Amino acid sequence: IVNTYNYENDYFNLKPPLSYWGIILGFKLFGVSIFSMRFYSALS
């Protein structure tokens, strides 16, 4: 629910979390990497 930047609450990027959930989905599917982070965008 809460997005952080460098482990502090982020009040600069004030977007709701759906795109972050897409990134997390990539991490859960393929592990942490640049490919998995970008996967949801490419799929979209």
PDB file of all heavy atoms in Angstrom:
ATOM      1  N   ILE A   1       0.822  -1.215   0.000  1.00  0.00           N
ATOM      2  CA  ILE A   1       0.000   0.000   0.000  1.00  0.00           C
ATOM      3  C   ILE A   1       0.853   1.260   0.000  1.00  0.00           C
ATOM      4  O   ILE A   1       0.624   2.194  -0.767  1.00  0.00           O
ATOM      5  CB  ILE A   1      -0.953   0.024   1.215  1.00  0.00           C
ATOM      6  CG1 ILE A   1      -1.856  -1.213   1.204  1.00  0.00           C
ATOM      7  CG2 ILE A   1      -1.784   1.301   1.218  1.00  0.00           C
ATOM      8  CD1 ILE A   1      -2.768  -1.318  -0.002  1.00  0.00           C
ATOM      9  N   VAL A   2       1.876   1.308   0.840  1.00  0.00           N
ATOM     10  CA  VAL A   2       2.702   2.511   1.003  1.00  0.00           C
ATOM     11  C   VAL A   2       3.973   2.388   0.165  1.00  0.00           C
ATOM     12  O   VAL A   2       4.754   1.448   0.348  1.00  0.00           O
ATOM     13  CB  VAL A   2       3.065   2.731   2.484  1.00  0.00           C
ATOM     14  CG1 VAL A   2       3.964   3.961   2.633  1.00  0.00           C
ATOM     15  CG2 VAL A   2       1.807   2.897   3.326  1.00  0.00           C
ATOM     16  N   ASN A   3       4.164   3.324  -0.754  1.00  0.00           N
ATOM     17  CA  ASN A   3       5.388   3.333  -1.565  1.00  0.00           C
ATOM     18  C   ASN A   3       6.455   4.169  -0.873  1.00  0.00           C
ATOM     19  O   ASN A   3       6.191   5.248  -0.354  1.00  0.00           O
ATOM     20  CB  ASN A   3       5.118   3.861  -2.972  1.00  0.00           C
ATOM     21  CG  ASN A   3       4.456   5.217  -2.994  1.00  0.00           C
ATOM     22  OD1 ASN A   3       3.411   5.397  -2.373  1.00  0.00           O
ATOM     23  ND2 ASN A   3       5.027   6.162  -3.719  1.00  0.00           N
ATOM     24  N   THR A   4       7.663   3.631  -0.857  1.00  0.00           N
ATOM     25  CA  THR A   4       8.788   4.321  -0.220  1.00  0.00           C
ATOM     26  C   THR A   4       9.898   4.529  -1.233  1.00  0.00           C
ATOM     27  O   THR A   4       9.997   3.817  -2.233  1.00  0.00           O
ATOM     28  CB  THR A   4       9.339   3.515   0.973  1.00  0.00           C
ATOM     29  OG1 THR A   4       9.816   2.246   0.503  1.00  0.00           O
ATOM     30  CG2 THR A   4       8.258   3.290   2.021  1.00  0.00           C
ATOM     31  N   TYR A   5      10.739   5.522  -0.942  1.00  0.00           N
ATOM     32  CA  TYR A   5      11.932   5.768  -1.755  1.00  0.00           C
ATOM     33  C   TYR A   5      13.120   5.844  -0.818  1.00  0.00           C
ATOM     34  O   TYR A   5      13.166   6.690   0.081  1.00  0.00           O
ATOM     35  CB  TYR A   5      11.799   7.071  -2.547  1.00  0.00           C
ATOM     36  CG  TYR A   5      13.005   7.338  -3.435  1.00  0.00           C
ATOM     37  CD1 TYR A   5      13.122   6.715  -4.674  1.00  0.00           C
ATOM     38  CD2 TYR A   5      14.036   8.179  -3.024  1.00  0.00           C
ATOM     39  CE1 TYR A   5      14.214   6.919  -5.479  1.00  0.00           C
ATOM     40  CE2 TYR A   5      15.141   8.389  -3.822  1.00  0.00           C
ATOM     41  CZ  TYR A   5      15.228   7.763  -5.049  1.00  0.00           C
ATOM     42  OH  TYR A   5      16.326   7.962  -5.843  1.00  0.00           O
ATOM     43  N   ASN A   6      14.068   4.939  -1.018  1.00  0.00           N
ATOM     44  CA  ASN A   6      15.209   4.787  -0.110  1.00  0.00           C
ATOM     45  C   ASN A   6      14.713   4.575   1.320  1.00  0.00           C
ATOM     46  O   ASN A   6      15.269   5.103   2.270  1.00  0.00           O
ATOM     47  CB  ASN A   6      16.158   5.984  -0.200  1.00  0.00           C
ATOM     48  CG  ASN A   6      17.595   5.596   0.093  1.00  0.00           C
ATOM     49  OD1 ASN A   6      17.921   4.415   0.213  1.00  0.00           O
ATOM     50  ND2 ASN A   6      18.464   6.593   0.211  1.00  0.00           N
ATOM     51  N   TYR A   7      13.633   3.807   1.427  1.00  0.00           N
ATOM     52  CA  TYR A   7      13.051   3.348   2.680  1.00  0.00           C
ATOM     53  C   TYR A   7      12.448   4.470   3.521  1.00  0.00           C
ATOM     54  O   TYR A   7      12.315   4.340   4.728  1.00  0.00           O
ATOM     55  CB  TYR A   7      14.065   2.513   3.466  1.00  0.00           C
ATOM     56  CG  TYR A   7      14.494   1.305   2.676  1.00  0.00           C
ATOM     57  CD1 TYR A   7      15.686   1.314   1.959  1.00  0.00           C
ATOM     58  CD2 TYR A   7      13.668   0.193   2.580  1.00  0.00           C
ATOM     59  CE1 TYR A   7      16.060   0.208   1.177  1.00  0.00           C
ATOM     60  CE2 TYR A   7      14.039  -0.904   1.805  1.00  0.00           C
ATOM     61  CZ  TYR A   7      15.226  -0.889   1.103  1.00  0.00           C
ATOM     62  OH  TYR A   7      15.581  -1.960   0.325  1.00  0.00           O
ATOM     63  N   GLU A   8      12.053   5.544   2.873  1.00  0.00           N
ATOM     64  CA  GLU A   8      11.255   6.583   3.514  1.00  0.00           C
ATOM     65  C   GLU A   8      10.011   6.811   2.668  1.00  0.00           C
ATOM     66  O   GLU A   8      10.064   6.722   1.444  1.00  0.00           O
ATOM     67  CB  GLU A   8      12.050   7.886   3.643  1.00  0.00           C
ATOM     68  CG  GLU A   8      13.258   7.777   4.565  1.00  0.00           C
ATOM     69  CD  GLU A   8      13.983   9.114   4.712  1.00  0.00           C
ATOM     70  OE1 GLU A   8      13.542  10.106   4.071  1.00  0.00           O
ATOM     71  OE2 GLU A   8      14.980   9.163   5.446  1.00  0.00           O
ATOM     72  N   ASN A   9       8.881   7.091   3.317  1.00  0.00           N
ATOM     73  CA  ASN A   9       7.642   7.306   2.584  1.00  0.00           C
ATOM     74  C   ASN A   9       7.861   8.306   1.448  1.00  0.00           C
ATOM     75  O   ASN A   9       8.439   9.370   1.652  1.00  0.00           O
ATOM     76  CB  ASN A   9       6.540   7.811   3.511  1.00  0.00           C
ATOM     77  CG  ASN A   9       5.954   6.698   4.366  1.00  0.00           C
ATOM     78  OD1 ASN A   9       6.499   5.593   4.433  1.00  0.00           O
ATOM     79  ND2 ASN A   9       4.845   6.968   5.022  1.00  0.00           N
ATOM     80  N   ASP A  10       7.393   7.942   0.258  1.00  0.00           N
ATOM     81  CA  ASP A  10       7.639   8.751  -0.930  1.00  0.00           C
ATOM     82  C   ASP A  10       6.459   9.688  -1.167  1.00  0.00           C
ATOM     83  O   ASP A  10       5.360   9.250  -1.529  1.00  0.00           O
ATOM     84  CB  ASP A  10       7.820   7.835  -2.149  1.00  0.00           C
ATOM     85  CG  ASP A  10       8.327   8.588  -3.372  1.00  0.00           C
ATOM     86  OD1 ASP A  10       8.445   9.823  -3.300  1.00  0.00           O
ATOM     87  OD2 ASP A  10       8.620   7.929  -4.389  1.00  0.00           O
ATOM     88  N   TYR A  11       6.702  10.984  -1.000  1.00  0.00           N
ATOM     89  CA  TYR A  11       5.676  11.990  -1.269  1.00  0.00           C
ATOM     90  C   TYR A  11       6.031  12.818  -2.508  1.00  0.00           C
ATOM     91  O   TYR A  11       5.527  13.917  -2.688  1.00  0.00           O
ATOM     92  CB  TYR A  11       5.478  12.892  -0.047  1.00  0.00           C
ATOM     93  CG  TYR A  11       4.967  12.121   1.156  1.00  0.00           C
ATOM     94  CD1 TYR A  11       5.716  12.040   2.325  1.00  0.00           C
ATOM     95  CD2 TYR A  11       3.746  11.455   1.107  1.00  0.00           C
ATOM     96  CE1 TYR A  11       5.260  11.318   3.418  1.00  0.00           C
ATOM     97  CE2 TYR A  11       3.278  10.730   2.190  1.00  0.00           C
ATOM     98  CZ  TYR A  11       4.049  10.661   3.336  1.00  0.00           C
ATOM     99  OH  TYR A  11       3.581   9.937   4.416  1.00  0.00           O
ATOM    100  N   PHE A  12       6.925  12.248  -3.320  1.00  0.00           N
ATOM    101  CA  PHE A  12       7.221  12.856  -4.620  1.00  0.00           C
ATOM    102  C   PHE A  12       6.467  12.119  -5.725  1.00  0.00           C
ATOM    103  O   PHE A  12       5.809  12.729  -6.552  1.00  0.00           O
ATOM    104  CB  PHE A  12       8.727  12.828  -4.892  1.00  0.00           C
ATOM    105  CG  PHE A  12       9.095  13.391  -6.242  1.00  0.00           C
ATOM    106  CD1 PHE A  12       9.252  14.763  -6.414  1.00  0.00           C
ATOM    107  CD2 PHE A  12       9.271  12.559  -7.340  1.00  0.00           C
ATOM    108  CE1 PHE A  12       9.572  15.284  -7.668  1.00  0.00           C
ATOM    109  CE2 PHE A  12       9.590  13.072  -8.590  1.00  0.00           C
ATOM    110  CZ  PHE A  12       9.737  14.441  -8.746  1.00  0.00           C
ATOM    111  N   ASN A  13       6.584  10.803  -5.730  1.00  0.00           N
ATOM    112  CA  ASN A  13       5.834   9.993  -6.695  1.00  0.00           C
ATOM    113  C   ASN A  13       4.466   9.676  -6.082  1.00  0.00           C
ATOM    114  O   ASN A  13       4.315   8.721  -5.321  1.00  0.00           O
ATOM    115  CB  ASN A  13       6.584   8.705  -7.021  1.00  0.00           C
ATOM    116  CG  ASN A  13       6.007   7.998  -8.231  1.00  0.00           C
ATOM    117  OD1 ASN A  13       5.191   8.547  -8.964  1.00  0.00           O
ATOM    118  ND2 ASN A  13       6.420   6.765  -8.436  1.00  0.00           N
ATOM    119  N   LEU A  14       3.491  10.475  -6.425  1.00  0.00           N
ATOM    120  CA  LEU A  14       2.192  10.420  -5.755  1.00  0.00           C
ATOM    121  C   LEU A  14       1.165   9.643  -6.573  1.00  0.00           C
ATOM    122  O   LEU A  14       0.020  10.051  -6.716  1.00  0.00           O
ATOM    123  CB  LEU A  14       1.704  11.848  -5.484  1.00  0.00           C
ATOM    124  CG  LEU A  14       2.590  12.636  -4.506  1.00  0.00           C
ATOM    125  CD1 LEU A  14       2.335  14.127  -4.610  1.00  0.00           C
ATOM    126  CD2 LEU A  14       2.381  12.148  -3.084  1.00  0.00           C
ATOM    127  N   LYS A  15       1.591   8.515  -7.104  1.00  0.00           N
ATOM    128  CA  LYS A  15       0.704   7.666  -7.889  1.00  0.00           C
ATOM    129  C   LYS A  15       0.166   6.533  -7.010  1.00  0.00           C
ATOM    130  O   LYS A  15       0.875   6.019  -6.141  1.00  0.00           O
ATOM    131  CB  LYS A  15       1.448   7.066  -9.088  1.00  0.00           C
ATOM    132  CG  LYS A  15       1.977   8.097 -10.081  1.00  0.00           C
ATOM    133  CD  LYS A  15       0.862   8.763 -10.864  1.00  0.00           C
ATOM    134  CE  LYS A  15       1.402   9.640 -11.974  1.00  0.00           C
ATOM    135  NZ  LYS A  15       2.121  10.822 -11.487  1.00  0.00           N
ATOM    136  N   PRO A  16      -1.081   6.123  -7.236  1.00  0.00           N
ATOM    137  CA  PRO A  16      -1.587   4.909  -6.584  1.00  0.00           C
ATOM    138  C   PRO A  16      -0.751   3.696  -6.982  1.00  0.00           C
ATOM    139  O   PRO A  16       0.089   3.776  -7.880  1.00  0.00           O
ATOM    140  CB  PRO A  16      -3.031   4.821  -7.097  1.00  0.00           C
ATOM    141  CG  PRO A  16      -3.389   6.232  -7.477  1.00  0.00           C
ATOM    142  CD  PRO A  16      -2.111   6.818  -8.026  1.00  0.00           C
ATOM    143  N   PRO A  17      -1.004   2.538  -6.365  1.00  0.00           N
ATOM    144  CA  PRO A  17       0.003   1.463  -6.417  1.00  0.00           C
ATOM    145  C   PRO A  17      -0.131   0.439  -7.532  1.00  0.00           C
ATOM    146  O   PRO A  17       0.647  -0.522  -7.558  1.00  0.00           O
ATOM    147  CB  PRO A  17      -0.208   0.770  -5.060  1.00  0.00           C
ATOM    148  CG  PRO A  17      -1.677   0.915  -4.799  1.00  0.00           C
ATOM    149  CD  PRO A  17      -2.049   2.268  -5.362  1.00  0.00           C
ATOM    150  N   LEU A  18      -1.051   0.572  -8.492  1.00  0.00           N
ATOM    151  CA  LEU A  18      -1.269  -0.516  -9.442  1.00  0.00           C
ATOM    152  C   LEU A  18      -0.018  -0.840 -10.251  1.00  0.00           C
ATOM    153  O   LEU A  18       0.303  -2.011 -10.472  1.00  0.00           O
ATOM    154  CB  LEU A  18      -2.434  -0.181 -10.377  1.00  0.00           C
ATOM    155  CG  LEU A  18      -2.889  -1.328 -11.290  1.00  0.00           C
ATOM    156  CD1 LEU A  18      -3.410  -2.497 -10.459  1.00  0.00           C
ATOM    157  CD2 LEU A  18      -3.970  -0.866 -12.260  1.00  0.00           C
ATOM    158  N   SER A  19       0.700   0.179 -10.699  1.00  0.00           N
ATOM    159  CA  SER A  19       1.909  -0.087 -11.487  1.00  0.00           C
ATOM    160  C   SER A  19       2.997  -0.728 -10.632  1.00  0.00           C
ATOM    161  O   SER A  19       3.773  -1.554 -11.123  1.00  0.00           O
ATOM    162  CB  SER A  19       2.431   1.201 -12.123  1.00  0.00           C
ATOM    163  OG  SER A  19       2.737   2.168 -11.137  1.00  0.00           O
ATOM    164  N   TYR A  20       3.053  -0.377  -9.347  1.00  0.00           N
ATOM    165  CA  TYR A  20       4.033  -1.014  -8.460  1.00  0.00           C
ATOM    166  C   TYR A  20       3.692  -2.485  -8.291  1.00  0.00           C
ATOM    167  O   TYR A  20       4.589  -3.337  -8.210  1.00  0.00           O
ATOM    168  CB  TYR A  20       4.050  -0.338  -7.090  1.00  0.00           C
ATOM    169  CG  TYR A  20       4.075   1.166  -7.105  1.00  0.00           C
ATOM    170  CD1 TYR A  20       3.376   1.905  -6.140  1.00  0.00           C
ATOM    171  CD2 TYR A  20       4.785   1.868  -8.063  1.00  0.00           C
ATOM    172  CE1 TYR A  20       3.382   3.283  -6.147  1.00  0.00           C
ATOM    173  CE2 TYR A  20       4.796   3.249  -8.080  1.00  0.00           C
ATOM    174  CZ  TYR A  20       4.087   3.954  -7.119  1.00  0.00           C
ATOM    175  OH  TYR A  20       4.094   5.321  -7.127  1.00  0.00           O
ATOM    176  N   TRP A  21       2.401  -2.785  -8.248  1.00  0.00           N
ATOM    177  CA  TRP A  21       1.989  -4.184  -8.139  1.00  0.00           C
ATOM    178  C   TRP A  21       2.396  -4.959  -9.395  1.00  0.00           C
ATOM    179  O   TRP A  21       2.724  -6.151  -9.315  1.00  0.00           O
ATOM    180  CB  TRP A  21       0.483  -4.288  -7.930  1.00  0.00           C
ATOM    181  CG  TRP A  21       0.006  -3.682  -6.627  1.00  0.00           C
ATOM    182  CD1 TRP A  21       0.770  -3.346  -5.547  1.00  0.00           C
ATOM    183  CD2 TRP A  21      -1.337  -3.330  -6.285  1.00  0.00           C
ATOM    184  NE1 TRP A  21      -0.010  -2.788  -4.557  1.00  0.00           N
ATOM    185  CE2 TRP A  21      -1.314  -2.779  -4.975  1.00  0.00           C
ATOM    186  CE3 TRP A  21      -2.561  -3.417  -6.947  1.00  0.00           C
ATOM    187  CZ2 TRP A  21      -2.463  -2.318  -4.335  1.00  0.00           C
ATOM    188  CZ3 TRP A  21      -3.703  -2.968  -6.305  1.00  0.00           C
ATOM    189  CH2 TRP A  21      -3.653  -2.430  -5.015  1.00  0.00           C
ATOM    190  N   GLY A  22       2.366  -4.288 -10.548  1.00  0.00           N
ATOM    191  CA  GLY A  22       2.839  -4.930 -11.771  1.00  0.00           C
ATOM    192  C   GLY A  22       4.311  -5.280 -11.679  1.00  0.00           C
ATOM    193  O   GLY A  22       4.738  -6.367 -12.107  1.00  0.00           O
ATOM    194  N   ILE A  23       5.107  -4.371 -11.132  1.00  0.00           N
ATOM    195  CA  ILE A  23       6.537  -4.629 -10.933  1.00  0.00           C
ATOM    196  C   ILE A  23       6.732  -5.797  -9.968  1.00  0.00           C
ATOM    197  O   ILE A  23       7.548  -6.706 -10.218  1.00  0.00           O
ATOM    198  CB  ILE A  23       7.233  -3.360 -10.405  1.00  0.00           C
ATOM    199  CG1 ILE A  23       7.257  -2.275 -11.491  1.00  0.00           C
ATOM    200  CG2 ILE A  23       8.650  -3.682  -9.920  1.00  0.00           C
ATOM    201  CD1 ILE A  23       7.724  -0.919 -11.008  1.00  0.00           C
ATOM    202  N   ILE A  24       5.976  -5.796  -8.882  1.00  0.00           N
ATOM    203  CA  ILE A  24       6.074  -6.867  -7.882  1.00  0.00           C
ATOM    204  C   ILE A  24       5.704  -8.211  -8.502  1.00  0.00           C
ATOM    205  O   ILE A  24       6.344  -9.236  -8.211  1.00  0.00           O
ATOM    206  CB  ILE A  24       5.173  -6.538  -6.668  1.00  0.00           C
ATOM    207  CG1 ILE A  24       5.734  -5.327  -5.914  1.00  0.00           C
ATOM    208  CG2 ILE A  24       5.059  -7.738  -5.734  1.00  0.00           C
ATOM    209  CD1 ILE A  24       4.777  -4.752  -4.892  1.00  0.00           C
ATOM    210  N   LEU A  25       4.688  -8.232  -9.366  1.00  0.00           N
ATOM    211  CA  LEU A  25       4.313  -9.465 -10.053  1.00  0.00           C
ATOM    212  C   LEU A  25       5.497 -10.018 -10.840  1.00  0.00           C
ATOM    213  O   LEU A  25       5.775 -11.224 -10.801  1.00  0.00           O
ATOM    214  CB  LEU A  25       3.133  -9.210 -10.987  1.00  0.00           C
ATOM    215  CG  LEU A  25       2.710 -10.381 -11.879  1.00  0.00           C
ATOM    216  CD1 LEU A  25       2.213 -11.553 -11.025  1.00  0.00           C
ATOM    217  CD2 LEU A  25       1.635  -9.953 -12.876  1.00  0.00           C
ATOM    218  N   GLY A  26       6.221  -9.143 -11.534  1.00  0.00           N
ATOM    219  CA  GLY A  26       7.400  -9.579 -12.270  1.00  0.00           C
ATOM    220  C   GLY A  26       8.454 -10.168 -11.361  1.00  0.00           C
ATOM    221  O   GLY A  26       9.067 -11.200 -11.674  1.00  0.00           O
ATOM    222  N   PHE A  27       8.685  -9.531 -10.206  1.00  0.00           N
ATOM    223  CA  PHE A  27       9.664 -10.048  -9.250  1.00  0.00           C
ATOM    224  C   PHE A  27       9.259 -11.426  -8.741  1.00  0.00           C
ATOM    225  O   PHE A  27      10.098 -12.320  -8.572  1.00  0.00           O
ATOM    226  CB  PHE A  27       9.806  -9.091  -8.064  1.00  0.00           C
ATOM    227  CG  PHE A  27      10.481  -7.783  -8.403  1.00  0.00           C
ATOM    228  CD1 PHE A  27      10.262  -6.659  -7.615  1.00  0.00           C
ATOM    229  CD2 PHE A  27      11.326  -7.672  -9.482  1.00  0.00           C
ATOM    230  CE1 PHE A  27      10.874  -5.446  -7.902  1.00  0.00           C
ATOM    231  CE2 PHE A  27      11.953  -6.465  -9.787  1.00  0.00           C
ATOM    232  CZ  PHE A  27      11.723  -5.358  -8.987  1.00  0.00           C
ATOM    233  N   LYS A  28       7.965 -11.602  -8.486  1.00  0.00           N
ATOM    234  CA  LYS A  28       7.494 -12.888  -7.959  1.00  0.00           C
ATOM    235  C   LYS A  28       7.581 -13.989  -9.016  1.00  0.00           C
ATOM    236  O   LYS A  28       7.834 -15.160  -8.700  1.00  0.00           O
ATOM    237  CB  LYS A  28       6.055 -12.747  -7.444  1.00  0.00           C
ATOM    238  CG  LYS A  28       5.949 -11.971  -6.125  1.00  0.00           C
ATOM    239  CD  LYS A  28       4.535 -11.945  -5.605  1.00  0.00           C
ATOM    240  CE  LYS A  28       4.437 -11.244  -4.251  1.00  0.00           C
ATOM    241  NZ  LYS A  28       5.080 -12.009  -3.174  1.00  0.00           N
ATOM    242  N   LEU A  29       7.386 -13.625 -10.278  1.00  0.00           N
ATOM    243  CA  LEU A  29       7.440 -14.613 -11.360  1.00  0.00           C
ATOM    244  C   LEU A  29       8.867 -14.997 -11.733  1.00  0.00           C
ATOM    245  O   LEU A  29       9.163 -16.173 -11.970  1.00  0.00           O
ATOM    246  CB  LEU A  29       6.717 -14.081 -12.600  1.00  0.00           C
ATOM    247  CG  LEU A  29       5.190 -13.982 -12.529  1.00  0.00           C
ATOM    248  CD1 LEU A  29       4.652 -13.293 -13.780  1.00  0.00           C
ATOM    249  CD2 LEU A  29       4.567 -15.362 -12.382  1.00  0.00           C
ATOM    250  N   PHE A  30       9.754 -14.007 -11.797  1.00  0.00           N
ATOM    251  CA  PHE A  30      11.076 -14.239 -12.386  1.00  0.00           C
ATOM    252  C   PHE A  30      12.239 -13.896 -11.449  1.00  0.00           C
ATOM    253  O   PHE A  30      13.396 -14.019 -11.855  1.00  0.00           O
ATOM    254  CB  PHE A  30      11.223 -13.398 -13.665  1.00  0.00           C
ATOM    255  CG  PHE A  30      10.118 -13.610 -14.664  1.00  0.00           C
ATOM    256  CD1 PHE A  30       9.207 -12.607 -14.940  1.00  0.00           C
ATOM    257  CD2 PHE A  30       9.981 -14.829 -15.318  1.00  0.00           C
ATOM    258  CE1 PHE A  30       8.182 -12.791 -15.861  1.00  0.00           C
ATOM    259  CE2 PHE A  30       8.965 -15.024 -16.239  1.00  0.00           C
ATOM    260  CZ  PHE A  30       8.064 -14.010 -16.513  1.00  0.00           C
ATOM    261  N   GLY A  31      11.951 -13.469 -10.227  1.00  0.00           N
ATOM    262  CA  GLY A  31      13.025 -13.012  -9.358  1.00  0.00           C
ATOM    263  C   GLY A  31      13.352 -11.555  -9.630  1.00  0.00           C
ATOM    264  O   GLY A  31      12.866 -10.960 -10.598  1.00  0.00           O
ATOM    265  N   VAL A  32      14.191 -10.967  -8.807  1.00  0.00           N
ATOM    266  CA  VAL A  32      14.519  -9.547  -8.906  1.00  0.00           C
ATOM    267  C   VAL A  32      15.524  -9.327 -10.027  1.00  0.00           C
ATOM    268  O   VAL A  32      16.632  -9.870 -10.001  1.00  0.00           O
ATOM    269  CB  VAL A  32      15.078  -9.013  -7.567  1.00  0.00           C
ATOM    270  CG1 VAL A  32      15.557  -7.571  -7.725  1.00  0.00           C
ATOM    271  CG2 VAL A  32      14.034  -9.105  -6.472  1.00  0.00           C
ATOM    272  N   SER A  33      15.137  -8.530 -11.009  1.00  0.00           N
ATOM    273  CA  SER A  33      16.026  -8.181 -12.117  1.00  0.00           C
ATOM    274  C   SER A  33      15.408  -7.036 -12.892  1.00  0.00           C
ATOM    275  O   SER A  33      14.230  -6.687 -12.677  1.00  0.00           O
ATOM    276  CB  SER A  33      16.229  -9.376 -13.057  1.00  0.00           C
ATOM    277  OG  SER A  33      15.023  -9.674 -13.748  1.00  0.00           O
ATOM    278  N   ILE A  34      16.178  -6.446 -13.786  1.00  0.00           N
ATOM    279  CA  ILE A  34      15.647  -5.379 -14.636  1.00  0.00           C
ATOM    280  C   ILE A  34      14.575  -5.947 -15.566  1.00  0.00           C
ATOM    281  O   ILE A  34      13.532  -5.320 -15.781  1.00  0.00           O
ATOM    282  CB  ILE A  34      16.782  -4.718 -15.446  1.00  0.00           C
ATOM    283  CG1 ILE A  34      17.759  -4.008 -14.502  1.00  0.00           C
ATOM    284  CG2 ILE A  34      16.207  -3.732 -16.455  1.00  0.00           C
ATOM    285  CD1 ILE A  34      18.973  -3.424 -15.206  1.00  0.00           C
ATOM    286  N   PHE A  35      14.795  -7.137 -16.088  1.00  0.00           N
ATOM    287  CA  PHE A  35      13.794  -7.761 -16.964  1.00  0.00           C
ATOM    288  C   PHE A  35      12.472  -7.931 -16.235  1.00  0.00           C
ATOM    289  O   PHE A  35      11.414  -7.564 -16.766  1.00  0.00           O
ATOM    290  CB  PHE A  35      14.290  -9.119 -17.455  1.00  0.00           C
ATOM    291  CG  PHE A  35      13.262  -9.874 -18.266  1.00  0.00           C
ATOM    292  CD1 PHE A  35      13.198  -9.710 -19.639  1.00  0.00           C
ATOM    293  CD2 PHE A  35      12.357 -10.744 -17.658  1.00  0.00           C
ATOM    294  CE1 PHE A  35      12.241 -10.391 -20.396  1.00  0.00           C
ATOM    295  CE2 PHE A  35      11.399 -11.416 -18.401  1.00  0.00           C
ATOM    296  CZ  PHE A  35      11.348 -11.250 -19.775  1.00  0.00           C
ATOM    297  N   SER A  36      12.510  -8.490 -15.042  1.00  0.00           N
ATOM    298  CA  SER A  36      11.262  -8.743 -14.313  1.00  0.00           C
ATOM    299  C   SER A  36      10.579  -7.441 -13.921  1.00  0.00           C
ATOM    300  O   SER A  36       9.345  -7.370 -13.885  1.00  0.00           O
ATOM    301  CB  SER A  36      11.526  -9.608 -13.084  1.00  0.00           C
ATOM    302  OG  SER A  36      12.480  -9.017 -12.227  1.00  0.00           O
ATOM    303  N   MET A  37      11.356  -6.397 -13.636  1.00  0.00           N
ATOM    304  CA  MET A  37      10.777  -5.102 -13.303  1.00  0.00           C
ATOM    305  C   MET A  37      10.017  -4.520 -14.492  1.00  0.00           C
ATOM    306  O   MET A  37       8.941  -3.926 -14.334  1.00  0.00           O
ATOM    307  CB  MET A  37      11.878  -4.130 -12.867  1.00  0.00           C
ATOM    308  CG  MET A  37      11.391  -2.747 -12.497  1.00  0.00           C
ATOM    309  SD  MET A  37      12.742  -1.580 -12.241  1.00  0.00           S
ATOM    310  CE  MET A  37      13.327  -1.344 -13.919  1.00  0.00           C
ATOM    311  N   ARG A  38      10.546  -4.701 -15.692  1.00  0.00           N
ATOM    312  CA  ARG A  38       9.926  -4.131 -16.896  1.00  0.00           C
ATOM    313  C   ARG A  38       8.899  -5.060 -17.531  1.00  0.00           C
ATOM    314  O   ARG A  38       8.203  -4.663 -18.476  1.00  0.00           O
ATOM    315  CB  ARG A  38      11.026  -3.809 -17.921  1.00  0.00           C
ATOM    316  CG  ARG A  38      11.920  -2.649 -17.508  1.00  0.00           C
ATOM    317  CD  ARG A  38      13.129  -2.514 -18.420  1.00  0.00           C
ATOM    318  NE  ARG A  38      13.848  -1.267 -18.162  1.00  0.00           N
ATOM    319  CZ  ARG A  38      15.072  -1.004 -18.614  1.00  0.00           C
ATOM    320  NH1 ARG A  38      15.720  -1.903 -19.344  1.00  0.00           N
ATOM    321  NH2 ARG A  38      15.649   0.155 -18.341  1.00  0.00           N
ATOM    322  N   PHE A  39       8.793  -6.281 -17.031  1.00  0.00           N
ATOM    323  CA  PHE A  39       7.962  -7.290 -17.672  1.00  0.00           C
ATOM    324  C   PHE A  39       6.512  -6.840 -17.812  1.00  0.00           C
ATOM    325  O   PHE A  39       5.894  -7.003 -18.872  1.00  0.00           O
ATOM    326  CB  PHE A  39       8.039  -8.597 -16.872  1.00  0.00           C
ATOM    327  CG  PHE A  39       7.071  -9.651 -17.333  1.00  0.00           C
ATOM    328  CD1 PHE A  39       7.336 -10.399 -18.469  1.00  0.00           C
ATOM    329  CD2 PHE A  39       5.886  -9.881 -16.642  1.00  0.00           C
ATOM    330  CE1 PHE A  39       6.434 -11.364 -18.914  1.00  0.00           C
ATOM    331  CE2 PHE A  39       4.981 -10.838 -17.081  1.00  0.00           C
ATOM    332  CZ  PHE A  39       5.259 -11.588 -18.211  1.00  0.00           C
ATOM    333  N   TYR A  40       5.945  -6.265 -16.757  1.00  0.00           N
ATOM    334  CA  TYR A  40       4.518  -5.922 -16.804  1.00  0.00           C
ATOM    335  C   TYR A  40       4.244  -4.846 -17.860  1.00  0.00           C
ATOM    336  O   TYR A  40       3.174  -4.859 -18.495  1.00  0.00           O
ATOM    337  CB  TYR A  40       4.023  -5.461 -15.423  1.00  0.00           C
ATOM    338  CG  TYR A  40       4.184  -3.989 -15.147  1.00  0.00           C
ATOM    339  CD1 TYR A  40       3.091  -3.127 -15.244  1.00  0.00           C
ATOM    340  CD2 TYR A  40       5.416  -3.445 -14.787  1.00  0.00           C
ATOM    341  CE1 TYR A  40       3.228  -1.775 -14.999  1.00  0.00           C
ATOM    342  CE2 TYR A  40       5.557  -2.102 -14.539  1.00  0.00           C
ATOM    343  CZ  TYR A  40       4.457  -1.266 -14.647  1.00  0.00           C
ATOM    344  OH  TYR A  40       4.591   0.080 -14.409  1.00  0.00           O
ATOM    345  N   SER A  41       5.172  -3.937 -18.062  1.00  0.00           N
ATOM    346  CA  SER A  41       4.993  -2.916 -19.091  1.00  0.00           C
ATOM    347  C   SER A  41       5.038  -3.534 -20.485  1.00  0.00           C
ATOM    348  O   SER A  41       4.202  -3.218 -21.346  1.00  0.00           O
ATOM    349  CB  SER A  41       6.079  -1.841 -18.980  1.00  0.00           C
ATOM    350  OG  SER A  41       5.764  -0.901 -17.995  1.00  0.00           O
ATOM    351  N   ALA A  42       6.013  -4.398 -20.709  1.00  0.00           N
ATOM    352  CA  ALA A  42       6.127  -5.056 -22.018  1.00  0.00           C
ATOM    353  C   ALA A  42       4.885  -5.889 -22.307  1.00  0.00           C
ATOM    354  O   ALA A  42       4.350  -5.874 -23.426  1.00  0.00           O
ATOM    355  CB  ALA A  42       7.389  -5.922 -22.056  1.00  0.00           C
ATOM    356  N   LEU A  43       4.414  -6.613 -21.295  1.00  0.00           N
ATOM    357  CA  LEU A  43       3.211  -7.425 -21.468  1.00  0.00           C
ATOM    358  C   LEU A  43       1.994  -6.542 -21.737  1.00  0.00           C
ATOM    359  O   LEU A  43       1.151  -6.877 -22.584  1.00  0.00           O
ATOM    360  CB  LEU A  43       2.978  -8.279 -20.221  1.00  0.00           C
ATOM    361  CG  LEU A  43       1.746  -9.188 -20.251  1.00  0.00           C
ATOM    362  CD1 LEU A  43       1.851 -10.203 -21.387  1.00  0.00           C
ATOM    363  CD2 LEU A  43       1.562  -9.893 -18.907  1.00  0.00           C
ATOM    364  N   SER A  44       1.897  -5.414 -21.052  1.00  0.00           N
ATOM    365  CA  SER A  44       0.769  -4.499 -21.251  1.00  0.00           C
ATOM    366  C   SER A  44       0.728  -3.984 -22.676  1.00  0.00           C
ATOM    367  O   SER A  44      -0.341  -3.913 -23.295  1.00  0.00           O
ATOM    368  CB  SER A  44       0.870  -3.322 -20.273  1.00  0.00           C
ATOM    369  OG  SER A  44       0.740  -3.739 -18.935  1.00  0.00           O
TER     370      SER A  44
END
